[in-house]
C-alpha cells in the first residue's frame, strides 16, 4: 500500500461527513471557498479548516484566480482508499453469496 499523501492521510480526511460533502461538491466542479461555505451551517473559518486538512492529505488543491482561491478535487490519493476497500470486497461478496444461498434454500 502507498504511504500517506501528506501530513494527514486520506482515511483521516474522509472520516468527517463535512469533508466528504466538500469532496462531493468539488467532484462536480471547481469552487471558491465562499461557494463551498454556502452549503454548510458552519462558519467560513470552519470550512477553511476542513479545506486545509483536505489539502494536507492532497485530496484538494487550491489555486489563486484573481482575488479568490479556487479549489478542485485531486482524485489520485483516493486510490489508496480504493485499494484498501478492494481487499475487503471479498468478505462482502462471500457474505452476499452465502445469504443468497440461504434465501434460495428456504421453502416458499
C-alpha atoms as a PDB file:
ATOM      1  CA  UNK A   1       0.000   0.000   0.000  1.00  0.00           C
ATOM      2  CA  UNK A   2       1.182   3.539  -0.650  1.00  0.00           C
ATOM      3  CA  UNK A   3       2.430   5.940   2.003  1.00  0.00           C
ATOM      4  CA  UNK A   4       0.043   8.616   3.276  1.00  0.00           C
ATOM      5  CA  UNK A   5      -0.130  11.530   0.862  1.00  0.00           C
ATOM      6  CA  UNK A   6       0.597  14.331   3.330  1.00  0.00           C
ATOM      7  CA  UNK A   7       0.515  15.325   6.979  1.00  0.00           C
ATOM      8  CA  UNK A   8      -2.968  13.824   7.192  1.00  0.00           C
ATOM      9  CA  UNK A   9      -3.881  10.678   5.324  1.00  0.00           C
ATOM     10  CA  UNK A  10      -6.889  10.015   3.126  1.00  0.00           C
ATOM     11  CA  UNK A  11      -8.610   7.978   5.822  1.00  0.00           C
ATOM     12  CA  UNK A  12      -8.487  10.853   8.309  1.00  0.00           C
ATOM     13  CA  UNK A  13      -9.679  13.242   5.645  1.00  0.00           C
ATOM     14  CA  UNK A  14     -12.780  11.274   4.691  1.00  0.00           C
ATOM     15  CA  UNK A  15     -13.654  10.374   8.283  1.00  0.00           C
ATOM     16  CA  UNK A  16     -15.633  13.581   8.673  1.00  0.00           C
ATOM     17  CA  UNK A  17     -19.028  13.952   6.917  1.00  0.00           C
ATOM     18  CA  UNK A  18     -18.438  17.647   6.205  1.00  0.00           C
ATOM     19  CA  UNK A  19     -15.192  16.868   4.418  1.00  0.00           C
ATOM     20  CA  UNK A  20     -16.873  14.085   2.443  1.00  0.00           C
ATOM     21  CA  UNK A  21     -19.538  16.571   1.344  1.00  0.00           C
ATOM     22  CA  UNK A  22     -16.853  19.092   0.344  1.00  0.00           C
ATOM     23  CA  UNK A  23     -15.240  16.385  -1.793  1.00  0.00           C
ATOM     24  CA  UNK A  24     -18.608  15.630  -3.392  1.00  0.00           C
ATOM     25  CA  UNK A  25     -19.119  19.314  -4.202  1.00  0.00           C
ATOM     26  CA  UNK A  26     -15.657  19.581  -5.716  1.00  0.00           C
ATOM     27  CA  UNK A  27     -16.240  16.428  -7.763  1.00  0.00           C
ATOM     28  CA  UNK A  28     -18.986  18.370  -9.561  1.00  0.00           C
ATOM     29  CA  UNK A  29     -16.825  21.418 -10.344  1.00  0.00           C
ATOM     30  CA  UNK A  30     -14.089  23.690  -9.021  1.00  0.00           C
ATOM     31  CA  UNK A  31     -15.422  26.129  -6.436  1.00  0.00           C
ATOM     32  CA  UNK A  32     -14.242  29.124  -4.410  1.00  0.00           C
ATOM     33  CA  UNK A  33     -14.377  28.901  -0.623  1.00  0.00           C
ATOM     34  CA  UNK A  34     -17.338  31.297  -0.441  1.00  0.00           C
ATOM     35  CA  UNK A  35     -19.429  28.943  -2.579  1.00  0.00           C
ATOM     36  CA  UNK A  36     -18.305  25.872  -0.646  1.00  0.00           C
ATOM     37  CA  UNK A  37     -19.115  27.563   2.670  1.00  0.00           C
ATOM     38  CA  UNK A  38     -22.620  28.441   1.464  1.00  0.00           C
ATOM     39  CA  UNK A  39     -23.562  24.742   1.551  1.00  0.00           C
ATOM     40  CA  UNK A  40     -22.869  24.344   5.274  1.00  0.00           C
ATOM     41  CA  UNK A  41     -24.366  25.646   8.527  1.00  0.00           C
ATOM     42  CA  UNK A  42     -20.856  26.251   9.885  1.00  0.00           C
ATOM     43  CA  UNK A  43     -18.582  29.276   9.724  1.00  0.00           C
ATOM     44  CA  UNK A  44     -16.357  30.025   6.775  1.00  0.00           C
ATOM     45  CA  UNK A  45     -13.416  29.620   9.178  1.00  0.00           C
ATOM     46  CA  UNK A  46     -14.546  26.058   9.939  1.00  0.00           C
ATOM     47  CA  UNK A  47     -14.831  25.301   6.210  1.00  0.00           C
ATOM     48  CA  UNK A  48     -11.328  26.729   5.743  1.00  0.00           C
ATOM     49  CA  UNK A  49     -10.026  24.335   8.387  1.00  0.00           C
ATOM     50  CA  UNK A  50     -11.667  21.405   6.594  1.00  0.00           C
ATOM     51  CA  UNK A  51     -10.162  22.544   3.290  1.00  0.00           C
ATOM     52  CA  UNK A  52      -6.763  22.850   4.955  1.00  0.00           C
ATOM     53  CA  UNK A  53      -6.916  19.244   6.174  1.00  0.00           C
ATOM     54  CA  UNK A  54      -8.113  18.085   2.752  1.00  0.00           C
ATOM     55  CA  UNK A  55      -5.201  19.996   1.187  1.00  0.00           C
ATOM     56  CA  UNK A  56      -2.702  18.394   3.565  1.00  0.00           C
ATOM     57  CA  UNK A  57      -3.991  14.984   2.547  1.00  0.00           C
ATOM     58  CA  UNK A  58      -3.649  16.133  -1.078  1.00  0.00           C
ATOM     59  CA  UNK A  59      -7.322  15.457  -1.850  1.00  0.00           C
ATOM     60  CA  UNK A  60      -7.939  19.076  -2.838  1.00  0.00           C
ATOM     61  CA  UNK A  61      -5.740  21.703  -4.382  1.00  0.00           C
ATOM     62  CA  UNK A  62      -6.255  25.425  -4.365  1.00  0.00           C
ATOM     63  CA  UNK A  63      -5.149  27.973  -6.919  1.00  0.00           C
ATOM     64  CA  UNK A  64      -5.488  31.738  -6.974  1.00  0.00           C
ATOM     65  CA  UNK A  65      -7.818  33.164  -9.586  1.00  0.00           C
ATOM     66  CA  UNK A  66      -7.897  36.898  -9.246  1.00  0.00           C
ATOM     67  CA  UNK A  67      -8.957  37.780  -5.717  1.00  0.00           C
ATOM     68  CA  UNK A  68     -10.276  34.359  -4.773  1.00  0.00           C
ATOM     69  CA  UNK A  69      -8.878  30.908  -4.308  1.00  0.00           C
ATOM     70  CA  UNK A  70     -10.474  28.142  -6.355  1.00  0.00           C
ATOM     71  CA  UNK A  71     -10.410  24.603  -5.005  1.00  0.00           C
ATOM     72  CA  UNK A  72     -10.523  21.454  -7.079  1.00  0.00           C
ATOM     73  CA  UNK A  73     -10.603  17.749  -6.312  1.00  0.00           C
ATOM     74  CA  UNK A  74      -7.472  15.660  -6.741  1.00  0.00           C
ATOM     75  CA  UNK A  75      -8.622  12.042  -7.071  1.00  0.00           C
ATOM     76  CA  UNK A  76      -5.176  10.421  -7.102  1.00  0.00           C
ATOM     77  CA  UNK A  77      -4.948   9.946  -3.296  1.00  0.00           C
ATOM     78  CA  UNK A  78      -8.316   8.179  -3.383  1.00  0.00           C
ATOM     79  CA  UNK A  79      -6.534   5.223  -4.984  1.00  0.00           C
ATOM     80  CA  UNK A  80      -5.148   4.347  -1.537  1.00  0.00           C
ATOM     81  CA  UNK A  81      -8.703   4.130  -0.251  1.00  0.00           C
ATOM     82  CA  UNK A  82      -9.835   2.144  -3.280  1.00  0.00           C
ATOM     83  CA  UNK A  83      -7.031  -0.385  -2.809  1.00  0.00           C
ATOM     84  CA  UNK A  84      -7.877  -0.802   0.873  1.00  0.00           C
ATOM     85  CA  UNK A  85     -11.591  -1.286   0.181  1.00  0.00           C
ATOM     86  CA  UNK A  86     -10.881  -3.687  -2.679  1.00  0.00           C
ATOM     87  CA  UNK A  87      -9.170  -6.081  -0.257  1.00  0.00           C
ATOM     88  CA  UNK A  88     -12.324  -6.245   1.892  1.00  0.00           C
ATOM     89  CA  UNK A  89     -14.747  -6.686  -1.011  1.00  0.00           C
ATOM     90  CA  UNK A  90     -14.098 -10.424  -0.974  1.00  0.00           C
ATOM     91  CA  UNK A  91     -15.571 -10.642   2.524  1.00  0.00           C
ATOM     92  CA  UNK A  92     -18.684  -8.726   1.462  1.00  0.00           C
ATOM     93  CA  UNK A  93     -19.065 -10.848  -1.653  1.00  0.00           C
ATOM     94  CA  UNK A  94     -18.716 -14.072   0.364  1.00  0.00           C
ATOM     95  CA  UNK A  95     -21.400 -12.947   2.803  1.00  0.00           C
ATOM     96  CA  UNK A  96     -23.751 -11.935  -0.008  1.00  0.00           C
ATOM     97  CA  UNK A  97     -23.225 -15.276  -1.751  1.00  0.00           C
ATOM     98  CA  UNK A  98     -23.994 -17.129   1.488  1.00  0.00           C
ATOM     99  CA  UNK A  99     -27.092 -15.001   2.071  1.00  0.00           C
ATOM    100  CA  UNK A 100     -28.307 -15.709  -1.451  1.00  0.00           C
ATOM    101  CA  UNK A 101     -27.793 -19.441  -0.914  1.00  0.00           C
ATOM    102  CA  UNK A 102     -29.738 -19.373   2.415  1.00  0.00           C
ATOM    103  CA  UNK A 103     -32.610 -17.378   0.914  1.00  0.00           C
ATOM    104  CA  UNK A 104     -32.860 -19.658  -2.097  1.00  0.00           C
ATOM    105  CA  UNK A 105     -32.924 -22.762   0.128  1.00  0.00           C
ATOM    106  CA  UNK A 106     -35.854 -21.580   2.246  1.00  0.00           C
ATOM    107  CA  UNK A 107     -39.192 -23.160   1.337  1.00  0.00           C
ATOM    108  CA  UNK A 108     -41.745 -20.748  -0.033  1.00  0.00           C
END
